[in-house]
Protein backbone atom coordinates (compact mmCIF):
# COMPACT_ATOMS: atom_id res chain seq x y z
CA MET A 1 45.63 -34.38 -47.77
CA LEU A 2 45.09 -37.88 -49.25
CA HIS A 3 48.48 -38.96 -47.94
CA TRP A 4 47.64 -37.62 -44.45
CA ARG A 5 44.29 -39.36 -44.36
CA LEU A 6 45.93 -42.67 -45.32
CA LEU A 7 48.43 -42.24 -42.48
CA ASN A 8 45.77 -41.31 -39.84
CA PRO A 9 43.42 -44.28 -39.38
CA CYS A 10 41.21 -42.34 -36.90
CA LEU A 11 39.76 -40.23 -39.70
CA ARG A 12 37.58 -43.07 -40.97
CA PRO A 13 35.79 -45.64 -38.77
CA SER A 14 36.58 -48.34 -41.29
CA ASP A 15 40.34 -47.79 -40.83
CA HIS A 16 40.37 -48.68 -37.08
CA ASN A 17 38.69 -51.18 -34.79
CA CYS A 18 37.97 -48.97 -31.75
CA LEU A 19 34.54 -49.50 -30.22
CA THR A 20 32.76 -46.24 -30.89
CA ASP A 21 30.29 -46.52 -28.04
CA SER A 22 32.86 -46.79 -25.25
CA THR A 23 36.25 -45.81 -26.68
CA VAL A 24 37.79 -43.09 -28.79
CA CYS A 25 40.39 -43.50 -31.53
CA ARG A 26 43.63 -41.53 -31.06
CA HIS A 27 46.36 -41.44 -33.72
CA VAL A 28 49.88 -41.94 -32.50
CA ILE A 29 51.81 -39.06 -34.03
CA GLY A 30 55.04 -40.08 -35.73
CA ASP A 31 54.08 -43.72 -36.05
CA ARG A 32 52.60 -44.64 -39.43
CA TYR A 33 49.11 -46.04 -39.16
CA ALA A 34 49.38 -46.40 -35.39
CA PHE A 35 46.49 -45.68 -33.05
CA THR A 36 45.15 -46.37 -29.57
CA CYS A 37 41.64 -46.86 -28.22
CA PRO A 38 41.40 -45.26 -24.75
CA CYS A 39 38.06 -45.24 -22.91
CA ARG A 40 35.60 -42.43 -23.35
CA PRO A 41 34.74 -40.24 -20.30
CA GLY A 42 32.33 -42.17 -18.10
CA PHE A 43 33.97 -45.56 -18.87
CA LYS A 44 36.93 -47.39 -17.31
CA ALA A 45 39.39 -49.87 -18.89
CA LEU A 46 39.54 -53.53 -17.79
CA SER A 47 42.24 -54.87 -20.15
CA LEU A 48 44.20 -54.01 -23.26
CA THR A 49 43.83 -56.30 -26.29
CA ASP A 50 44.72 -55.59 -29.92
CA HIS A 51 45.06 -51.85 -29.48
CA ARG A 52 41.66 -51.74 -27.80
CA ASP A 53 40.73 -50.94 -24.24
CA GLN A 54 37.92 -53.12 -22.98
CA CYS A 55 35.82 -50.43 -21.34
CA VAL A 56 32.89 -50.73 -19.01
CA ASP A 57 30.50 -48.04 -17.89
CA ILE A 58 31.22 -46.21 -14.62
CA ASP A 59 28.16 -45.94 -12.38
CA GLU A 60 28.61 -42.42 -10.97
CA CYS A 61 25.55 -42.88 -8.77
CA LEU A 62 27.23 -45.61 -6.65
CA VAL A 63 29.96 -43.45 -5.14
CA LYS A 64 29.79 -42.30 -1.53
CA PRO A 65 26.79 -40.04 -0.81
CA HIS A 66 28.84 -36.90 -0.22
CA LYS A 67 30.64 -37.39 -3.55
CA ARG A 68 27.64 -38.18 -5.69
CA PRO A 69 27.13 -35.79 -8.62
CA CYS A 70 23.48 -35.24 -7.64
CA GLN A 71 23.07 -33.47 -4.31
CA PRO A 72 21.66 -33.65 -1.73
CA PRO A 73 21.41 -37.47 -1.96
CA ASP A 74 18.20 -37.66 0.10
CA ILE A 75 16.38 -35.32 -2.31
CA ALA A 76 18.06 -35.61 -5.72
CA THR A 77 17.59 -38.74 -7.85
CA CYS A 78 20.67 -39.97 -9.71
CA THR A 79 20.14 -42.20 -12.76
CA ASN A 80 23.11 -43.85 -14.44
CA THR A 81 23.34 -43.79 -18.24
CA ALA A 82 25.91 -45.13 -20.71
CA GLY A 83 28.98 -43.05 -20.03
CA SER A 84 27.12 -40.44 -18.04
CA TYR A 85 24.29 -39.87 -15.54
CA GLU A 86 21.15 -37.80 -15.07
CA CYS A 87 19.93 -35.84 -12.07
CA ASP A 88 16.26 -35.26 -11.30
CA CYS A 89 14.63 -33.12 -8.62
CA PRO A 90 11.13 -33.18 -7.08
CA ASP A 91 8.65 -30.59 -8.32
CA LYS A 92 9.36 -28.11 -5.52
CA TYR A 93 13.10 -28.08 -6.39
CA ARG A 94 15.08 -26.89 -9.35
CA LEU A 95 18.38 -28.31 -10.64
CA THR A 96 21.35 -25.96 -10.35
CA ASN A 97 24.93 -26.49 -11.49
CA THR A 98 27.19 -25.93 -8.47
CA SER A 99 30.30 -27.58 -9.94
CA THR A 100 33.75 -26.56 -8.74
CA THR A 101 37.25 -27.15 -10.06
CA THR A 102 37.41 -30.27 -7.89
CA TYR A 103 33.94 -31.80 -8.17
CA VAL A 104 31.25 -31.88 -10.82
CA MET A 105 27.99 -31.45 -8.94
CA LEU A 106 24.37 -30.74 -9.76
CA GLN A 107 22.27 -29.65 -6.79
CA CYS A 108 18.53 -29.60 -6.10
CA ILE A 109 17.64 -26.23 -4.57
CA GLU A 110 14.17 -25.49 -3.23
CA ARG A 111 12.23 -23.18 -5.47
CA ASP A 112 11.33 -19.70 -4.24
CA ARG A 113 8.16 -18.40 -5.86
CA CYS A 114 9.02 -14.86 -4.82
CA LYS A 115 12.40 -14.96 -6.61
CA ASP A 116 11.31 -17.03 -9.59
CA ASP A 117 8.15 -15.03 -10.34
CA LYS A 118 8.55 -11.26 -10.02
CA THR A 119 4.87 -10.78 -10.82
CA ALA A 120 3.94 -12.42 -7.49
CA CYS A 121 2.50 -9.77 -5.18
CA GLY A 122 3.09 -7.17 -7.91
CA GLN A 123 6.82 -6.93 -7.16
CA ASP A 124 7.50 -5.81 -10.72
CA VAL A 125 4.83 -3.09 -10.73
CA ASN A 126 3.93 -1.72 -7.31
CA GLY A 127 6.79 -3.03 -5.24
CA GLY A 128 4.72 -5.57 -3.34
CA ILE A 129 6.48 -7.51 -0.59
CA CYS A 130 6.59 -11.27 -1.21
CA ASP A 131 7.51 -13.75 1.57
CA ASN A 132 8.32 -17.36 0.65
CA ASN A 133 6.44 -19.97 2.70
CA GLY A 134 7.80 -23.05 0.98
CA TYR A 135 7.19 -23.63 -2.70
CA PRO A 136 4.70 -22.95 -4.17
CA ASP A 137 3.19 -21.05 -1.22
CA PHE A 138 3.90 -17.40 -0.46
CA THR A 139 2.29 -14.49 1.33
CA CYS A 140 1.97 -10.89 0.21
CA SER A 141 2.18 -7.65 2.10
CA CYS A 142 1.90 -4.18 0.63
CA PHE A 143 3.50 -0.82 1.22
CA PRO A 144 1.35 2.04 2.55
CA GLY A 145 -0.89 3.38 -0.18
CA PHE A 146 -1.49 -0.07 -1.67
CA THR A 147 -3.96 -2.83 -0.88
CA GLN A 148 -3.88 -6.55 -1.53
CA ILE A 149 -6.31 -8.10 -4.00
CA ALA A 150 -5.74 -11.84 -4.46
CA ASP A 151 -1.96 -12.16 -4.89
CA LEU A 152 -1.34 -8.61 -6.10
CA CYS A 153 -0.71 -5.25 -4.49
CA VAL A 154 -2.74 -2.60 -6.27
CA ASP A 155 -3.01 1.12 -5.70
CA LEU A 156 -5.37 2.11 -2.91
CA ASN A 157 -7.69 4.92 -3.96
CA GLU A 158 -7.65 6.97 -0.78
CA CYS A 159 -10.05 9.45 -2.35
CA GLU A 160 -12.85 6.89 -1.93
CA ASP A 161 -12.43 7.19 1.83
CA LYS A 162 -14.81 9.73 3.37
CA THR A 163 -12.24 10.58 6.02
CA VAL A 164 -9.70 11.58 3.35
CA LEU A 165 -12.34 13.53 1.42
CA ASP A 166 -13.23 15.42 4.58
CA SER A 167 -9.57 16.11 5.29
CA CYS A 168 -9.06 17.66 1.85
CA ALA A 169 -12.35 19.57 2.03
CA ASP A 170 -11.28 21.03 5.36
CA GLN A 171 -8.23 22.41 3.55
CA PHE A 172 -10.42 23.92 0.78
CA ALA A 173 -9.02 21.37 -1.64
CA GLN A 174 -10.02 18.36 -3.69
CA CYS A 175 -8.60 14.88 -3.24
CA VAL A 176 -6.51 13.62 -6.16
CA ASN A 177 -5.46 9.98 -6.03
CA LYS A 178 -1.93 9.08 -7.13
CA GLN A 179 0.08 5.89 -7.33
CA GLY A 180 0.65 4.91 -3.71
CA PHE A 181 -0.58 8.17 -2.18
CA TYR A 182 -2.93 11.09 -2.66
CA GLU A 183 -2.78 14.87 -2.72
CA CYS A 184 -5.18 17.58 -1.66
CA GLN A 185 -5.07 19.97 -4.62
CA CYS A 186 -6.60 23.40 -4.42
CA SER A 187 -9.79 23.85 -6.39
CA PRO A 188 -9.78 26.32 -9.30
CA GLY A 189 -9.71 29.82 -7.90
CA PHE A 190 -7.91 28.76 -4.73
CA HIS A 191 -4.20 28.92 -4.03
CA ARG A 192 -2.04 27.19 -1.46
CA ASP A 193 -0.89 29.58 1.21
CA ALA A 194 2.88 29.20 1.67
CA VAL A 195 2.70 29.86 5.42
CA GLU A 196 -0.50 28.16 6.57
CA LYS A 197 -0.19 25.33 4.00
CA VAL A 198 -3.92 25.40 3.22
CA CYS A 199 -5.88 26.50 0.17
CA LYS A 200 -7.33 29.99 0.30
CA ILE A 201 -9.64 31.79 -2.06
CA SER A 202 -7.84 33.95 -4.61
CA ALA A 203 -8.72 37.60 -5.08
CA HIS A 204 -8.59 37.03 -8.85
CA ALA A 205 -8.50 33.76 -10.76
CA TYR A 206 -8.37 33.16 -14.51
CA THR A 207 -8.47 30.16 -16.81
CA ILE A 208 -6.03 30.63 -19.69
CA LYS A 209 -5.66 28.48 -22.80
CA LEU A 210 -2.07 28.58 -24.06
CA ARG A 211 -0.87 26.83 -27.25
CA LEU A 212 2.72 25.61 -27.09
CA ALA A 213 5.00 24.47 -29.93
CA MET A 214 5.66 21.02 -28.48
CA PRO A 215 4.98 17.57 -29.96
CA PRO A 216 2.10 15.69 -28.32
CA ASN A 217 3.02 13.24 -25.60
CA GLU A 218 0.78 10.38 -24.49
CA GLU A 219 1.96 10.92 -20.92
CA TYR A 220 0.32 14.36 -20.90
CA SER A 221 -3.08 12.67 -20.63
CA ASN A 222 -2.06 11.26 -17.25
CA VAL A 223 -2.02 14.04 -14.67
CA PHE A 224 0.03 11.77 -12.37
CA SER A 225 2.86 11.14 -14.84
CA ALA A 226 6.34 12.60 -14.48
CA ASP A 227 6.03 14.38 -17.84
CA PHE A 228 2.82 16.13 -16.77
CA LYS A 229 4.46 17.20 -13.51
CA THR A 230 7.49 18.57 -15.39
CA PHE A 231 5.17 20.47 -17.73
CA SER A 232 3.31 21.97 -14.74
CA ASN A 233 6.55 23.02 -13.04
CA ASP A 234 7.81 24.64 -16.24
CA THR A 235 4.52 26.55 -16.54
CA GLN A 236 4.89 27.85 -13.00
CA THR A 237 8.45 28.98 -13.79
CA VAL A 238 7.45 30.83 -16.98
CA LEU A 239 4.40 32.59 -15.48
CA GLY A 240 6.34 33.49 -12.33
CA ALA A 241 8.98 35.22 -14.47
CA MET A 242 6.31 36.84 -16.67
CA PHE A 243 4.59 38.65 -13.75
CA GLN A 244 7.64 39.03 -11.53
CA ASN A 245 7.98 42.80 -11.69
CA VAL A 246 5.30 45.20 -10.51
CA SER A 247 5.39 46.89 -13.90
CA HIS A 248 4.25 43.63 -15.48
CA TRP A 249 1.24 43.04 -13.23
CA PRO A 250 -1.97 42.89 -15.31
CA CYS A 251 -3.63 45.34 -12.89
CA ALA A 252 -2.35 47.66 -10.18
CA GLY A 253 -2.01 45.79 -6.90
CA THR A 254 -2.71 42.41 -8.52
CA LYS A 255 0.18 40.06 -7.66
CA PHE A 256 0.68 36.66 -9.29
CA LEU A 257 0.50 33.76 -6.80
CA ASP A 258 0.66 30.45 -8.63
CA SER A 259 -0.72 28.39 -11.50
CA GLN A 260 -2.33 24.99 -11.98
CA VAL A 261 -2.29 23.03 -15.23
CA SER A 262 -5.60 21.23 -15.39
CA GLN A 263 -5.39 19.71 -18.89
CA ILE A 264 -3.05 19.21 -21.84
CA THR A 265 -4.58 18.24 -25.19
CA LYS A 266 -3.15 17.51 -28.63
CA PHE A 267 -3.41 20.10 -31.43
CA GLY A 268 -2.10 18.75 -34.70
CA GLU A 269 1.25 16.97 -34.75
CA SER A 270 3.42 19.82 -33.46
CA TYR A 271 1.36 21.66 -30.83
CA VAL A 272 -0.43 21.08 -27.55
CA ASP A 273 -3.07 23.23 -25.85
CA ALA A 274 -2.63 23.72 -22.11
CA THR A 275 -5.49 24.84 -19.89
CA ILE A 276 -4.00 26.78 -16.98
CA VAL A 277 -5.64 28.30 -13.91
CA MET A 278 -3.80 31.44 -12.72
CA ASN A 279 -4.28 32.87 -9.23
CA PHE A 280 -3.64 36.49 -8.27
CA ASP A 281 -3.72 38.19 -4.89
CA GLU A 282 -4.94 41.70 -4.08
CA VAL A 283 -2.05 43.40 -2.30
CA SER A 284 -3.85 46.76 -2.08
CA ASN A 285 -7.31 48.21 -2.47
CA SER A 286 -6.37 50.03 -5.63
CA SER A 287 -8.09 47.54 -7.88
CA VAL A 288 -11.60 46.18 -7.41
CA ASP A 289 -11.73 44.29 -10.67
CA CYS A 290 -9.06 43.10 -13.12
CA PRO A 291 -10.43 42.25 -16.60
CA ILE A 292 -9.32 39.09 -18.36
CA ASN A 293 -8.16 41.19 -21.34
CA ASN A 294 -5.47 42.74 -19.14
CA VAL A 295 -4.13 39.26 -18.38
CA THR A 296 -4.12 37.97 -21.98
CA SER A 297 -2.56 41.21 -23.24
CA THR A 298 0.25 40.93 -20.72
CA ILE A 299 0.89 37.31 -21.75
CA LYS A 300 1.08 38.22 -25.46
CA THR A 301 3.49 41.06 -24.73
CA ARG A 302 5.72 39.22 -22.27
CA LEU A 303 6.11 35.84 -24.03
CA PRO A 304 8.66 37.03 -26.62
CA ALA A 305 10.68 38.69 -23.88
CA LEU A 306 11.02 35.35 -22.08
CA CYS A 307 12.57 33.61 -25.09
CA ASP A 308 15.93 31.99 -24.43
CA ALA A 309 18.39 34.10 -26.47
CA GLU A 310 20.40 31.07 -27.61
CA ASN A 311 17.47 28.91 -28.70
CA HIS A 312 14.82 31.32 -29.92
CA LEU A 313 15.48 30.66 -33.61
CA THR A 314 15.48 26.83 -33.38
CA GLY A 315 12.93 25.62 -35.89
CA GLY A 316 11.09 28.94 -35.80
CA THR A 317 10.34 28.52 -32.09
CA CYS A 318 11.95 29.64 -28.87
CA ALA A 319 12.37 28.06 -25.43
CA LEU A 320 10.86 30.04 -22.54
CA GLU A 321 13.04 30.75 -19.53
CA GLY A 322 15.24 27.75 -20.24
CA THR A 323 12.35 25.30 -19.82
CA SER A 324 11.00 22.72 -22.24
CA LEU A 325 8.07 25.02 -23.13
CA ARG A 326 8.34 26.55 -26.60
CA VAL A 327 6.29 29.08 -28.58
CA PRO A 328 6.49 30.15 -32.25
CA ILE A 329 8.48 33.31 -32.82
CA VAL A 330 9.11 35.75 -35.70
CA THR A 331 11.42 38.71 -36.18
CA ARG A 332 10.04 42.12 -37.04
CA ILE A 333 11.62 45.46 -37.90
CA VAL A 334 10.30 48.25 -35.72
CA LYS A 335 10.59 51.38 -37.89
CA SER A 336 9.81 53.75 -35.07
CA ASP A 337 12.82 52.36 -33.23
CA ASN A 338 15.47 53.00 -35.89
CA ASN A 339 14.64 49.83 -37.75
CA THR A 340 15.49 47.62 -34.74
CA VAL A 341 14.76 43.92 -35.21
CA ASN A 342 12.59 42.54 -32.41
CA ARG A 343 11.16 39.13 -31.62
CA ALA A 344 7.38 38.84 -31.72
CA LEU A 345 4.60 36.26 -31.76
CA PRO A 346 2.89 35.48 -35.07
CA ASP A 347 -0.43 37.28 -35.48
CA ASP A 348 -2.35 34.03 -35.90
CA TYR A 349 -0.75 32.64 -32.77
CA GLU A 350 -1.74 35.63 -30.64
CA LYS A 351 -5.37 34.92 -31.45
CA THR A 352 -5.10 31.49 -29.80
CA ILE A 353 -4.27 32.98 -26.38
CA VAL A 354 -7.70 33.27 -24.76
CA GLY A 355 -9.08 33.06 -21.26
CA GLU A 356 -11.92 33.77 -18.88
CA THR A 357 -12.37 34.86 -15.31
CA VAL A 358 -13.05 32.12 -12.77
CA LYS A 359 -16.41 32.93 -11.23
CA PHE A 360 -17.24 31.88 -7.71
CA GLY A 361 -20.69 30.87 -6.66
CA CYS A 362 -22.97 27.93 -6.22
CA ASP A 363 -23.22 27.39 -9.98
CA GLU A 364 -19.54 28.11 -10.58
CA ALA A 365 -16.30 27.19 -8.79
CA ASN A 366 -16.75 26.31 -5.14
CA ASP A 367 -15.08 24.09 -2.60
CA CYS A 368 -18.13 22.68 -0.81
CA SER A 369 -17.81 18.99 0.02
CA TYR A 370 -20.34 16.21 -0.42
CA ARG A 371 -21.65 16.96 3.08
CA HIS A 372 -22.65 20.51 2.16
CA TYR A 373 -25.08 22.37 0.02
CA CYS A 374 -24.03 25.70 -1.44
CA GLU A 375 -25.73 28.92 -0.37
CA GLN A 376 -25.05 32.03 -2.45
CA ALA A 377 -23.87 35.03 -0.41
CA ASP A 378 -24.73 38.64 -1.12
CA SER A 379 -21.19 40.00 -0.99
CA THR A 380 -18.79 39.67 -3.93
CA ASN A 381 -15.83 41.23 -2.12
CA SER A 382 -12.74 39.04 -2.50
CA SER A 383 -12.09 39.22 1.25
CA VAL A 384 -15.47 37.58 1.88
CA TYR A 385 -16.52 34.29 0.31
CA PRO A 386 -19.27 34.83 -2.27
CA TYR A 387 -21.00 31.65 -1.10
CA ASN A 388 -21.40 29.59 2.03
CA CYS A 389 -21.26 25.82 2.51
CA LYS A 390 -24.08 24.61 4.74
CA CYS A 391 -24.42 21.12 6.21
CA LYS A 392 -26.84 18.84 4.43
CA ASP A 393 -29.26 16.65 6.33
CA PRO A 394 -28.61 14.48 8.26
CA TYR A 395 -25.20 16.03 9.03
CA ILE A 396 -25.01 18.24 12.12
CA PRO A 397 -23.13 21.60 12.09
CA VAL A 398 -20.65 21.73 14.99
CA GLY A 399 -18.55 24.74 13.95
CA ASN A 400 -17.54 27.01 11.10
CA VAL A 401 -14.29 27.58 9.19
CA ASP A 402 -14.29 30.57 6.85
CA ASN A 403 -17.34 29.99 4.64
CA LYS A 404 -17.83 26.35 5.52
CA GLU A 405 -19.75 24.71 8.33
CA VAL A 406 -17.97 21.83 10.02
CA CYS A 407 -20.37 18.90 9.72
CA LEU A 408 -20.71 15.96 12.08
CA ASP A 409 -21.57 12.61 10.55
CA ALA A 410 -22.95 10.78 13.57
CA CYS A 411 -23.03 7.44 11.74
CA TYR A 412 -19.53 7.61 10.19
CA PRO A 413 -17.57 5.86 11.34
CA SER A 414 -20.48 3.81 12.67
CA PRO A 415 -20.67 3.69 16.47
CA CYS A 416 -22.93 0.62 16.25
CA LEU A 417 -21.15 -2.70 16.57
CA ASP A 418 -22.07 -4.75 13.47
CA SER A 419 -25.54 -3.20 13.53
CA PRO A 420 -27.37 -0.59 11.42
CA CYS A 421 -27.00 3.07 12.42
CA GLU A 422 -29.80 5.58 11.89
CA TYR A 423 -29.60 9.37 12.08
CA GLN A 424 -31.60 11.26 14.71
CA SER A 425 -32.31 14.98 15.09
CA GLN A 426 -31.54 14.99 18.82
CA PRO A 427 -28.31 14.18 20.66
CA PRO A 428 -26.46 11.89 20.31
CA TYR A 429 -27.87 12.29 16.75
CA TYR A 430 -27.95 8.55 16.08
CA THR A 431 -29.57 5.33 17.25
CA CYS A 432 -28.44 1.75 16.83
CA ASN A 433 -30.81 -0.97 15.68
CA CYS A 434 -29.10 -3.84 17.46
CA LEU A 435 -29.16 -7.25 15.89
CA GLU A 436 -30.79 -10.16 17.69
CA SER A 437 -29.26 -10.96 21.11
CA TYR A 438 -27.15 -7.76 21.10
CA TYR A 439 -28.01 -4.87 23.38
CA GLY A 440 -26.68 -1.56 24.69
CA VAL A 441 -26.52 1.98 23.30
CA ASN A 442 -23.90 0.98 20.71
CA CYS A 443 -24.86 -2.73 20.55
CA SER A 444 -21.49 -3.38 22.15
CA ASP A 445 -22.71 -5.65 24.94
CA VAL A 446 -22.03 -9.24 23.99
CA PRO A 447 -24.96 -11.62 23.43
CA CYS A 448 -25.74 -14.67 25.54
CA SER A 449 -23.42 -17.60 25.00
CA PRO A 450 -24.53 -21.24 25.45
CA SER A 451 -21.91 -21.75 28.16
CA TYR A 452 -23.05 -18.78 30.27
CA CYS A 453 -25.82 -20.86 31.95
CA HIS A 454 -23.80 -24.09 31.75
CA GLU A 455 -26.49 -25.46 29.40
CA ARG A 456 -28.80 -25.85 32.45
CA GLY A 457 -31.08 -22.96 31.68
CA ILE A 458 -32.10 -20.25 29.23
CA CYS A 459 -29.98 -17.09 28.91
CA MET A 460 -31.89 -13.85 28.46
CA VAL A 461 -30.73 -10.26 27.97
CA VAL A 462 -32.50 -7.93 30.38
CA GLU A 463 -32.22 -4.17 29.96
CA GLY A 464 -30.18 -2.73 32.82
CA LYS A 465 -29.10 -6.14 34.12
CA GLY A 466 -27.38 -7.74 31.17
CA GLN A 467 -27.34 -11.52 30.92
CA VAL A 468 -29.74 -13.36 33.23
CA CYS A 469 -30.18 -17.14 33.52
CA GLU A 470 -33.59 -18.75 33.92
CA CYS A 471 -32.46 -22.08 35.39
CA GLU A 472 -34.09 -25.43 34.76
CA SER A 473 -35.12 -27.63 37.72
CA PRO A 474 -33.32 -28.70 39.91
CA TYR A 475 -30.58 -26.06 39.20
CA SER A 476 -30.16 -22.58 40.64
CA GLY A 477 -27.55 -19.84 40.99
CA VAL A 478 -26.38 -16.92 38.84
CA ASN A 479 -25.11 -19.27 36.13
CA CYS A 480 -27.26 -22.32 37.08
CA GLU A 481 -24.17 -23.80 38.62
CA LYS A 482 -25.96 -25.34 41.66
CA ASN A 483 -27.83 -28.68 41.74
CA VAL A 484 -30.39 -28.06 44.54
CA PRO A 485 -30.85 -31.67 45.88
CA GLN A 486 -27.15 -32.35 45.74
CA TRP A 487 -26.43 -29.01 47.33
CA LEU A 488 -28.87 -29.76 50.18
CA MET A 489 -27.33 -33.16 50.79
CA GLU A 490 -23.85 -31.71 50.81
CA SER A 491 -24.97 -28.90 53.11
CA PHE A 492 -26.75 -31.35 55.46
CA GLY A 493 -23.70 -33.57 55.65
CA ALA A 494 -21.51 -30.61 56.44
CA TYR A 495 -23.83 -29.39 59.19
CA ALA A 496 -24.21 -32.90 60.63
CA GLY A 497 -20.45 -33.30 60.80
CA VAL A 498 -20.09 -30.03 62.62
CA PHE A 499 -22.86 -30.97 65.10
CA LEU A 500 -21.28 -34.35 65.81
CA GLY A 501 -17.87 -32.81 66.35
CA VAL A 502 -19.24 -30.21 68.76
CA SER A 503 -21.16 -32.94 70.64
CA VAL A 504 -18.05 -35.08 71.11
CA ILE A 505 -16.04 -32.14 72.35
CA GLY A 506 -18.82 -31.16 74.78
CA TRP A 507 -19.18 -34.72 76.17
CA SER A 508 -15.44 -35.01 76.65
CA ALA A 509 -15.24 -31.72 78.48
CA ARG A 510 -18.11 -32.70 80.78
CA TYR A 511 -16.48 -36.01 81.60
CA LEU A 512 -13.18 -34.45 82.47
CA MET A 513 -14.77 -31.79 84.62
CA THR A 514 -16.69 -34.50 86.54
CA ARG A 515 -13.49 -36.36 87.35
CA ASN A 516 -11.89 -33.17 88.57
CA ILE A 517 -14.74 -32.53 90.97
CA ARG A 518 -14.39 -36.03 92.40
CA LYS A 519 -10.70 -35.34 92.89
CA ASN A 520 -9.74 -38.08 90.55
CA TRP A 521 -7.92 -35.78 88.21
CA TRP A 522 -4.18 -36.27 88.25
CA PRO A 523 -3.93 -38.24 91.54
CA HIS A 524 -0.15 -37.98 91.73
CA MET A 525 -0.45 -34.27 92.21
CA GLN A 526 -2.88 -34.47 95.17
CA PRO A 527 -1.40 -33.58 98.63
CA PRO A 528 -0.33 -36.59 100.79
CA LYS A 529 -2.58 -37.77 103.56
CA VAL A 530 -1.32 -37.09 107.17
CA LYS A 531 -2.08 -39.52 109.97
CA LEU A 532 -2.28 -37.99 113.45
CA ILE A 533 -0.85 -40.00 116.36
């Protein structure tokens, strides 16, 4: 190693005389203690003296514009440095390396706020639409179901719109806002009819609390989350299979319709409690009432039978109908059945399955909207609503659907143009308090404008006539467009011209007729005179 270092002078600056700022030392292989000093990149050689190239800096910024390393030349700023160069861009541009195998090039490209900042318009959250208007300006537009606040697209709560609330109420449902849209979900005790696609009152409805052997999930607190939706779908699958056969109906003629998960809460570290509304239909008149105990007893009996055969022993729990729902399970020997081993629910667990009947009435579950007040009905027959929804004041009943009056809100949307609307008891059930200068039944007639009377009079709104001008002297006309003295002079001149013209024509005609009488009219056409001899 010592011998090699002595033979290679480029290993130590003191062993060669190359200028370190502009040249580089290169050992000549095979020649003892020989070296050369070629120029560093960014420098060019002028002459060769004593093994050294005399190198000067190359100004890369002085080449032809299309070959400059900083492009485009009218935007980018190229600054020469010792052996190199620097490129700078204005604030609205960013420097991008667009070098190729042929050219080394740095390019100033205009910034795009929409591409550089994904938070603009909420692109990263709600899928807002961002349009670049030249850095740093941009405009936002939002997809349906979202609204723009400042530079963000946020979810639009359609359930704050009275029109949407009315639409859901007309379907016997409640409005539930979701990300980008809303749903009309049936109220407890109502089910969605598969044919008519509206919510109808259920013959029997129950609220069941079911404890499931599943670890708590933060997403379960959000009824709009995908996990909550999956949980709800699994519940519908399990309960549908549980009451599928007639022999498993809790009461004769009581058919399972659907279920709604209203809440999922944490119980310990390994369980969750689900509150479920179950709806049943009355397919015959064989059952007037179906006690809640019949429903809970059926659930306790049928749950072990729904256990997935392959997974029922996993961790002392079993999966139900191949879903993610699990319940604790034990094995028991049934002596009366030749010591057969059966699956069963733990005794303590069975006690947690409780429920109550959904009661309809003005103080219980009802689907009256904010426009109604609830009136208790006498009948409790499931085919007749046990309550009626009556229109509150000042809403006007204009029809009836099932147990609900259809209410007219005469002031929503307001028929009054930018003016207050007040309810009235007589048709059209509203009156408009028009703002100053506005008039008409709906305040829709436009007010006087300064230009209507050409600034030569005062504009007034007269009932039945609209805009009327009270002209200042000496103006007149519908819009005060006439100057009376000027108009008289112009009219007099016109009449005088006509009179003079008629007079000239009349005088000329009289003159010509006089010549004709004297036989001086066209003498060459008169008959020749005959002289008698």
